[in-house]
Amino acid sequence: MTTESPRWFKSSYSNNGGQCVEIAAGLAAARPRGTVLVRDSKNKNGSALAFPTDAWTRFVAAVKDGDGGVTA
């Protein structure tokens, strides 16, 4: 386990309308197999979801490709 704090950021495509998610990928090297954390930008003190980096990479690629049938 690491004591490193996540560094959260939003997509550069975010229009800052408050309907965003933030990710923290800086901890990937510190965790087994890598982890991407995702949280609701409106609830910074709420829970974060943890995804393996390979699943997150596939998800982002599918979104970019317009694939509506994303599977993890």
PDB file of N, CA and C in Angstrom:
ATOM      1  N   MET A   1       0.847  -1.188   0.000  1.00  0.00           N
ATOM      2  CA  MET A   1       0.000   0.000   0.000  1.00  0.00           C
ATOM      3  C   MET A   1       0.886   1.242   0.000  1.00  0.00           C
ATOM      4  N   THR A   2       0.400   2.271  -0.627  1.00  0.00           N
ATOM      5  CA  THR A   2       1.173   3.504  -0.753  1.00  0.00           C
ATOM      6  C   THR A   2       0.493   4.638   0.004  1.00  0.00           C
ATOM      7  N   THR A   3       1.275   5.607   0.444  1.00  0.00           N
ATOM      8  CA  THR A   3       0.713   6.780   1.100  1.00  0.00           C
ATOM      9  C   THR A   3       0.589   7.944   0.129  1.00  0.00           C
ATOM     10  N   GLU A   4       0.966   7.708  -1.117  1.00  0.00           N
ATOM     11  CA  GLU A   4       0.877   8.749  -2.145  1.00  0.00           C
ATOM     12  C   GLU A   4      -0.582   9.157  -2.346  1.00  0.00           C
ATOM     13  N   SER A   5      -0.842  10.460  -2.395  1.00  0.00           N
ATOM     14  CA  SER A   5      -2.197  10.954  -2.624  1.00  0.00           C
ATOM     15  C   SER A   5      -2.487  11.031  -4.114  1.00  0.00           C
ATOM     16  N   PRO A   6      -3.692  10.656  -4.511  1.00  0.00           N
ATOM     17  CA  PRO A   6      -4.037  10.754  -5.935  1.00  0.00           C
ATOM     18  C   PRO A   6      -4.026  12.200  -6.410  1.00  0.00           C
ATOM     19  N   ARG A   7      -3.608  12.416  -7.636  1.00  0.00           N
ATOM     20  CA  ARG A   7      -3.666  13.736  -8.273  1.00  0.00           C
ATOM     21  C   ARG A   7      -4.789  13.673  -9.296  1.00  0.00           C
ATOM     22  N   TRP A   8      -5.909  14.292  -8.966  1.00  0.00           N
ATOM     23  CA  TRP A   8      -7.126  14.208  -9.761  1.00  0.00           C
ATOM     24  C   TRP A   8      -7.125  15.228 -10.884  1.00  0.00           C
ATOM     25  N   PHE A   9      -7.693  14.846 -12.039  1.00  0.00           N
ATOM     26  CA  PHE A   9      -7.851  15.791 -13.131  1.00  0.00           C
ATOM     27  C   PHE A   9      -9.047  15.401 -13.988  1.00  0.00           C
ATOM     28  N   LYS A  10      -9.562  16.403 -14.703  1.00  0.00           N
ATOM     29  CA  LYS A  10     -10.685  16.217 -15.630  1.00  0.00           C
ATOM     30  C   LYS A  10     -10.160  16.241 -17.055  1.00  0.00           C
ATOM     31  N   SER A  11     -10.951  15.750 -17.950  1.00  0.00           N
ATOM     32  CA  SER A  11     -10.609  15.771 -19.366  1.00  0.00           C
ATOM     33  C   SER A  11     -10.463  17.215 -19.844  1.00  0.00           C
ATOM     34  N   SER A  12      -9.572  17.410 -20.789  1.00  0.00           N
ATOM     35  CA  SER A  12      -9.433  18.739 -21.396  1.00  0.00           C
ATOM     36  C   SER A  12     -10.667  19.087 -22.222  1.00  0.00           C
ATOM     37  N   TYR A  13     -11.512  18.097 -22.518  1.00  0.00           N
ATOM     38  CA  TYR A  13     -12.746  18.329 -23.262  1.00  0.00           C
ATOM     39  C   TYR A  13     -13.897  18.739 -22.347  1.00  0.00           C
ATOM     40  N   SER A  14     -13.665  18.747 -21.035  1.00  0.00           N
ATOM     41  CA  SER A  14     -14.703  19.116 -20.079  1.00  0.00           C
ATOM     42  C   SER A  14     -15.033  20.600 -20.239  1.00  0.00           C
ATOM     43  N   ASN A  15     -16.337  20.910 -20.254  1.00  0.00           N
ATOM     44  CA  ASN A  15     -16.722  22.317 -20.361  1.00  0.00           C
ATOM     45  C   ASN A  15     -16.947  22.932 -18.987  1.00  0.00           C
ATOM     46  N   ASN A  16     -16.530  22.209 -17.943  1.00  0.00           N
ATOM     47  CA  ASN A  16     -16.632  22.674 -16.561  1.00  0.00           C
ATOM     48  C   ASN A  16     -18.080  22.972 -16.169  1.00  0.00           C
ATOM     49  N   GLY A  17     -19.019  22.219 -16.700  1.00  0.00           N
ATOM     50  CA  GLY A  17     -20.427  22.388 -16.360  1.00  0.00           C
ATOM     51  C   GLY A  17     -20.855  21.621 -15.128  1.00  0.00           C
ATOM     52  N   GLY A  18     -19.917  20.930 -14.486  1.00  0.00           N
ATOM     53  CA  GLY A  18     -20.233  20.213 -13.261  1.00  0.00           C
ATOM     54  C   GLY A  18     -20.706  18.788 -13.458  1.00  0.00           C
ATOM     55  N   GLN A  19     -20.811  18.332 -14.683  1.00  0.00           N
ATOM     56  CA  GLN A  19     -21.265  16.970 -14.962  1.00  0.00           C
ATOM     57  C   GLN A  19     -20.090  16.122 -15.434  1.00  0.00           C
ATOM     58  N   CYS A  20     -19.034  16.083 -14.674  1.00  0.00           N
ATOM     59  CA  CYS A  20     -17.801  15.445 -15.114  1.00  0.00           C
ATOM     60  C   CYS A  20     -17.383  14.337 -14.153  1.00  0.00           C
ATOM     61  N   VAL A  21     -16.481  13.514 -14.644  1.00  0.00           N
ATOM     62  CA  VAL A  21     -15.760  12.603 -13.776  1.00  0.00           C
ATOM     63  C   VAL A  21     -14.313  13.049 -13.776  1.00  0.00           C
ATOM     64  N   GLU A  22     -13.625  12.708 -12.709  1.00  0.00           N
ATOM     65  CA  GLU A  22     -12.203  12.993 -12.601  1.00  0.00           C
ATOM     66  C   GLU A  22     -11.479  11.661 -12.494  1.00  0.00           C
ATOM     67  N   ILE A  23     -10.278  11.620 -13.016  1.00  0.00           N
ATOM     68  CA  ILE A  23      -9.487  10.402 -12.880  1.00  0.00           C
ATOM     69  C   ILE A  23      -8.160  10.722 -12.217  1.00  0.00           C
ATOM     70  N   ALA A  24      -7.616   9.716 -11.591  1.00  0.00           N
ATOM     71  CA  ALA A  24      -6.280   9.798 -11.002  1.00  0.00           C
ATOM     72  C   ALA A  24      -5.533   8.566 -11.477  1.00  0.00           C
ATOM     73  N   ALA A  25      -4.632   8.755 -12.398  1.00  0.00           N
ATOM     74  CA  ALA A  25      -3.886   7.636 -12.949  1.00  0.00           C
ATOM     75  C   ALA A  25      -2.447   7.617 -12.458  1.00  0.00           C
ATOM     76  N   GLY A  26      -2.057   8.602 -11.684  1.00  0.00           N
ATOM     77  CA  GLY A  26      -0.682   8.705 -11.225  1.00  0.00           C
ATOM     78  C   GLY A  26      -0.249   7.598 -10.286  1.00  0.00           C
ATOM     79  N   LEU A  27      -1.193   6.859  -9.739  1.00  0.00           N
ATOM     80  CA  LEU A  27      -0.848   5.796  -8.809  1.00  0.00           C
ATOM     81  C   LEU A  27      -0.660   4.457  -9.508  1.00  0.00           C
ATOM     82  N   ALA A  28      -0.789   4.426 -10.803  1.00  0.00           N
ATOM     83  CA  ALA A  28      -0.760   3.154 -11.532  1.00  0.00           C
ATOM     84  C   ALA A  28       0.504   2.341 -11.248  1.00  0.00           C
ATOM     85  N   ALA A  29       1.637   2.984 -11.195  1.00  0.00           N
ATOM     86  CA  ALA A  29       2.884   2.251 -10.980  1.00  0.00           C
ATOM     87  C   ALA A  29       3.008   1.733  -9.555  1.00  0.00           C
ATOM     88  N   ALA A  30       2.291   2.342  -8.625  1.00  0.00           N
ATOM     89  CA  ALA A  30       2.406   1.968  -7.220  1.00  0.00           C
ATOM     90  C   ALA A  30       1.474   0.828  -6.831  1.00  0.00           C
ATOM     91  N   ARG A  31       0.605   0.431  -7.736  1.00  0.00           N
ATOM     92  CA  ARG A  31      -0.365  -0.611  -7.418  1.00  0.00           C
ATOM     93  C   ARG A  31      -0.139  -1.829  -8.298  1.00  0.00           C
ATOM     94  N   PRO A  32      -0.485  -3.002  -7.776  1.00  0.00           N
ATOM     95  CA  PRO A  32      -0.331  -4.206  -8.598  1.00  0.00           C
ATOM     96  C   PRO A  32      -1.127  -4.092  -9.901  1.00  0.00           C
ATOM     97  N   ARG A  33      -0.512  -4.398 -11.009  1.00  0.00           N
ATOM     98  CA  ARG A  33      -1.102  -4.379 -12.345  1.00  0.00           C
ATOM     99  C   ARG A  33      -1.590  -3.011 -12.752  1.00  0.00           C
ATOM    100  N   GLY A  34      -1.445  -1.992 -11.930  1.00  0.00           N
ATOM    101  CA  GLY A  34      -1.880  -0.637 -12.265  1.00  0.00           C
ATOM    102  C   GLY A  34      -3.351  -0.428 -12.008  1.00  0.00           C
ATOM    103  N   THR A  35      -3.687   0.756 -11.562  1.00  0.00           N
ATOM    104  CA  THR A  35      -5.058   1.100 -11.236  1.00  0.00           C
ATOM    105  C   THR A  35      -5.345   2.527 -11.669  1.00  0.00           C
ATOM    106  N   VAL A  36      -6.521   2.745 -12.230  1.00  0.00           N
ATOM    107  CA  VAL A  36      -7.004   4.086 -12.534  1.00  0.00           C
ATOM    108  C   VAL A  36      -8.189   4.336 -11.618  1.00  0.00           C
ATOM    109  N   LEU A  37      -8.136   5.416 -10.855  1.00  0.00           N
ATOM    110  CA  LEU A  37      -9.236   5.786  -9.968  1.00  0.00           C
ATOM    111  C   LEU A  37     -10.148   6.771 -10.680  1.00  0.00           C
ATOM    112  N   VAL A  38     -11.458   6.633 -10.478  1.00  0.00           N
ATOM    113  CA  VAL A  38     -12.466   7.493 -11.110  1.00  0.00           C
ATOM    114  C   VAL A  38     -13.437   7.944 -10.041  1.00  0.00           C
ATOM    115  N   ARG A  39     -13.750   9.254 -10.033  1.00  0.00           N
ATOM    116  CA  ARG A  39     -14.729   9.774  -9.067  1.00  0.00           C
ATOM    117  C   ARG A  39     -15.600  10.828  -9.725  1.00  0.00           C
ATOM    118  N   ASP A  40     -16.714  11.114  -9.091  1.00  0.00           N
ATOM    119  CA  ASP A  40     -17.650  12.144  -9.529  1.00  0.00           C
ATOM    120  C   ASP A  40     -17.080  13.507  -9.134  1.00  0.00           C
ATOM    121  N   SER A  41     -16.950  14.410 -10.090  1.00  0.00           N
ATOM    122  CA  SER A  41     -16.361  15.718  -9.792  1.00  0.00           C
ATOM    123  C   SER A  41     -17.224  16.559  -8.868  1.00  0.00           C
ATOM    124  N   LYS A  42     -18.508  16.235  -8.769  1.00  0.00           N
ATOM    125  CA  LYS A  42     -19.393  16.992  -7.880  1.00  0.00           C
ATOM    126  C   LYS A  42     -19.293  16.517  -6.435  1.00  0.00           C
ATOM    127  N   ASN A  43     -18.689  15.347  -6.212  1.00  0.00           N
ATOM    128  CA  ASN A  43     -18.609  14.769  -4.868  1.00  0.00           C
ATOM    129  C   ASN A  43     -17.173  14.332  -4.604  1.00  0.00           C
ATOM    130  N   LYS A  44     -16.307  15.309  -4.405  1.00  0.00           N
ATOM    131  CA  LYS A  44     -14.881  15.038  -4.257  1.00  0.00           C
ATOM    132  C   LYS A  44     -14.545  14.221  -3.018  1.00  0.00           C
ATOM    133  N   ASN A  45     -15.426  14.206  -2.028  1.00  0.00           N
ATOM    134  CA  ASN A  45     -15.193  13.427  -0.813  1.00  0.00           C
ATOM    135  C   ASN A  45     -15.879  12.075  -0.856  1.00  0.00           C
ATOM    136  N   GLY A  46     -16.538  11.772  -1.962  1.00  0.00           N
ATOM    137  CA  GLY A  46     -17.236  10.502  -2.098  1.00  0.00           C
ATOM    138  C   GLY A  46     -16.294   9.382  -2.490  1.00  0.00           C
ATOM    139  N   SER A  47     -16.879   8.251  -2.760  1.00  0.00           N
ATOM    140  CA  SER A  47     -16.116   7.069  -3.139  1.00  0.00           C
ATOM    141  C   SER A  47     -15.501   7.228  -4.525  1.00  0.00           C
ATOM    142  N   ALA A  48     -14.444   6.496  -4.737  1.00  0.00           N
ATOM    143  CA  ALA A  48     -13.822   6.424  -6.061  1.00  0.00           C
ATOM    144  C   ALA A  48     -13.872   4.968  -6.519  1.00  0.00           C
ATOM    145  N   LEU A  49     -14.072   4.788  -7.799  1.00  0.00           N
ATOM    146  CA  LEU A  49     -14.031   3.459  -8.390  1.00  0.00           C
ATOM    147  C   LEU A  49     -12.613   3.183  -8.854  1.00  0.00           C
ATOM    148  N   ALA A  50     -12.163   1.956  -8.711  1.00  0.00           N
ATOM    149  CA  ALA A  50     -10.820   1.572  -9.144  1.00  0.00           C
ATOM    150  C   ALA A  50     -10.925   0.588 -10.297  1.00  0.00           C
ATOM    151  N   PHE A  51     -10.251   0.904 -11.397  1.00  0.00           N
ATOM    152  CA  PHE A  51     -10.248   0.052 -12.577  1.00  0.00           C
ATOM    153  C   PHE A  51      -8.816  -0.358 -12.904  1.00  0.00           C
ATOM    154  N   PRO A  52      -8.609  -1.612 -13.308  1.00  0.00           N
ATOM    155  CA  PRO A  52      -7.281  -1.980 -13.811  1.00  0.00           C
ATOM    156  C   PRO A  52      -6.966  -1.141 -15.051  1.00  0.00           C
ATOM    157  N   THR A  53      -5.710  -0.772 -15.214  1.00  0.00           N
ATOM    158  CA  THR A  53      -5.347   0.102 -16.338  1.00  0.00           C
ATOM    159  C   THR A  53      -5.714  -0.502 -17.682  1.00  0.00           C
ATOM    160  N   ASP A  54      -5.601  -1.825 -17.840  1.00  0.00           N
ATOM    161  CA  ASP A  54      -5.945  -2.412 -19.134  1.00  0.00           C
ATOM    162  C   ASP A  54      -7.437  -2.284 -19.433  1.00  0.00           C
ATOM    163  N   ALA A  55      -8.286  -2.430 -18.417  1.00  0.00           N
ATOM    164  CA  ALA A  55      -9.729  -2.259 -18.618  1.00  0.00           C
ATOM    165  C   ALA A  55     -10.053  -0.798 -18.934  1.00  0.00           C
ATOM    166  N   TRP A  56      -9.411   0.130 -18.242  1.00  0.00           N
ATOM    167  CA  TRP A  56      -9.647   1.555 -18.493  1.00  0.00           C
ATOM    168  C   TRP A  56      -9.206   1.940 -19.907  1.00  0.00           C
ATOM    169  N   THR A  57      -8.071   1.418 -20.327  1.00  0.00           N
ATOM    170  CA  THR A  57      -7.565   1.703 -21.671  1.00  0.00           C
ATOM    171  C   THR A  57      -8.535   1.195 -22.732  1.00  0.00           C
ATOM    172  N   ARG A  58      -9.067  -0.009 -22.543  1.00  0.00           N
ATOM    173  CA  ARG A  58     -10.044  -0.552 -23.501  1.00  0.00           C
ATOM    174  C   ARG A  58     -11.319   0.275 -23.510  1.00  0.00           C
ATOM    175  N   PHE A  59     -11.771   0.717 -22.333  1.00  0.00           N
ATOM    176  CA  PHE A  59     -12.972   1.544 -22.229  1.00  0.00           C
ATOM    177  C   PHE A  59     -12.796   2.858 -22.986  1.00  0.00           C
ATOM    178  N   VAL A  60     -11.702   3.550 -22.739  1.00  0.00           N
ATOM    179  CA  VAL A  60     -11.446   4.840 -23.396  1.00  0.00           C
ATOM    180  C   VAL A  60     -11.348   4.651 -24.910  1.00  0.00           C
ATOM    181  N   ALA A  61     -10.667   3.596 -25.362  1.00  0.00           N
ATOM    182  CA  ALA A  61     -10.555   3.338 -26.798  1.00  0.00           C
ATOM    183  C   ALA A  61     -11.927   3.090 -27.417  1.00  0.00           C
ATOM    184  N   ALA A  62     -12.782   2.340 -26.723  1.00  0.00           N
ATOM    185  CA  ALA A  62     -14.125   2.054 -27.232  1.00  0.00           C
ATOM    186  C   ALA A  62     -14.970   3.318 -27.301  1.00  0.00           C
ATOM    187  N   VAL A  63     -14.845   4.187 -26.309  1.00  0.00           N
ATOM    188  CA  VAL A  63     -15.584   5.456 -26.321  1.00  0.00           C
ATOM    189  C   VAL A  63     -15.121   6.310 -27.485  1.00  0.00           C
ATOM    190  N   LYS A  64     -13.824   6.400 -27.694  1.00  0.00           N
ATOM    191  CA  LYS A  64     -13.283   7.185 -28.806  1.00  0.00           C
ATOM    192  C   LYS A  64     -13.753   6.651 -30.153  1.00  0.00           C
ATOM    193  N   ASP A  65     -13.901   5.329 -30.247  1.00  0.00           N
ATOM    194  CA  ASP A  65     -14.343   4.703 -31.487  1.00  0.00           C
ATOM    195  C   ASP A  65     -15.856   4.744 -31.658  1.00  0.00           C
ATOM    196  N   GLY A  66     -16.582   5.224 -30.637  1.00  0.00           N
ATOM    197  CA  GLY A  66     -18.032   5.290 -30.698  1.00  0.00           C
ATOM    198  C   GLY A  66     -18.692   3.933 -30.512  1.00  0.00           C
ATOM    199  N   ASP A  67     -18.014   3.006 -29.865  1.00  0.00           N
ATOM    200  CA  ASP A  67     -18.536   1.667 -29.631  1.00  0.00           C
ATOM    201  C   ASP A  67     -19.518   1.695 -28.468  1.00  0.00           C
ATOM    202  N   GLY A  68     -20.797   1.498 -28.770  1.00  0.00           N
ATOM    203  CA  GLY A  68     -21.828   1.492 -27.735  1.00  0.00           C
ATOM    204  C   GLY A  68     -21.872   0.220 -26.925  1.00  0.00           C
ATOM    205  N   GLY A  69     -21.212  -0.832 -27.377  1.00  0.00           N
ATOM    206  CA  GLY A  69     -21.240  -2.118 -26.691  1.00  0.00           C
ATOM    207  C   GLY A  69     -19.973  -2.367 -25.910  1.00  0.00           C
ATOM    208  N   VAL A  70     -19.577  -1.422 -25.074  1.00  0.00           N
ATOM    209  CA  VAL A  70     -18.340  -1.528 -24.318  1.00  0.00           C
ATOM    210  C   VAL A  70     -18.466  -2.659 -23.303  1.00  0.00           C
ATOM    211  N   THR A  71     -17.465  -3.525 -23.261  1.00  0.00           N
ATOM    212  CA  THR A  71     -17.396  -4.556 -22.233  1.00  0.00           C
ATOM    213  C   THR A  71     -16.035  -4.508 -21.587  1.00  0.00           C
ATOM    214  N   ALA A  72     -16.002  -4.751 -20.301  1.00  0.00           N
ATOM    215  CA  ALA A  72     -14.726  -4.675 -19.577  1.00  0.00           C
ATOM    216  C   ALA A  72     -14.080  -6.012 -19.440  1.00  0.00           C
TER     217      ALA A  72
END
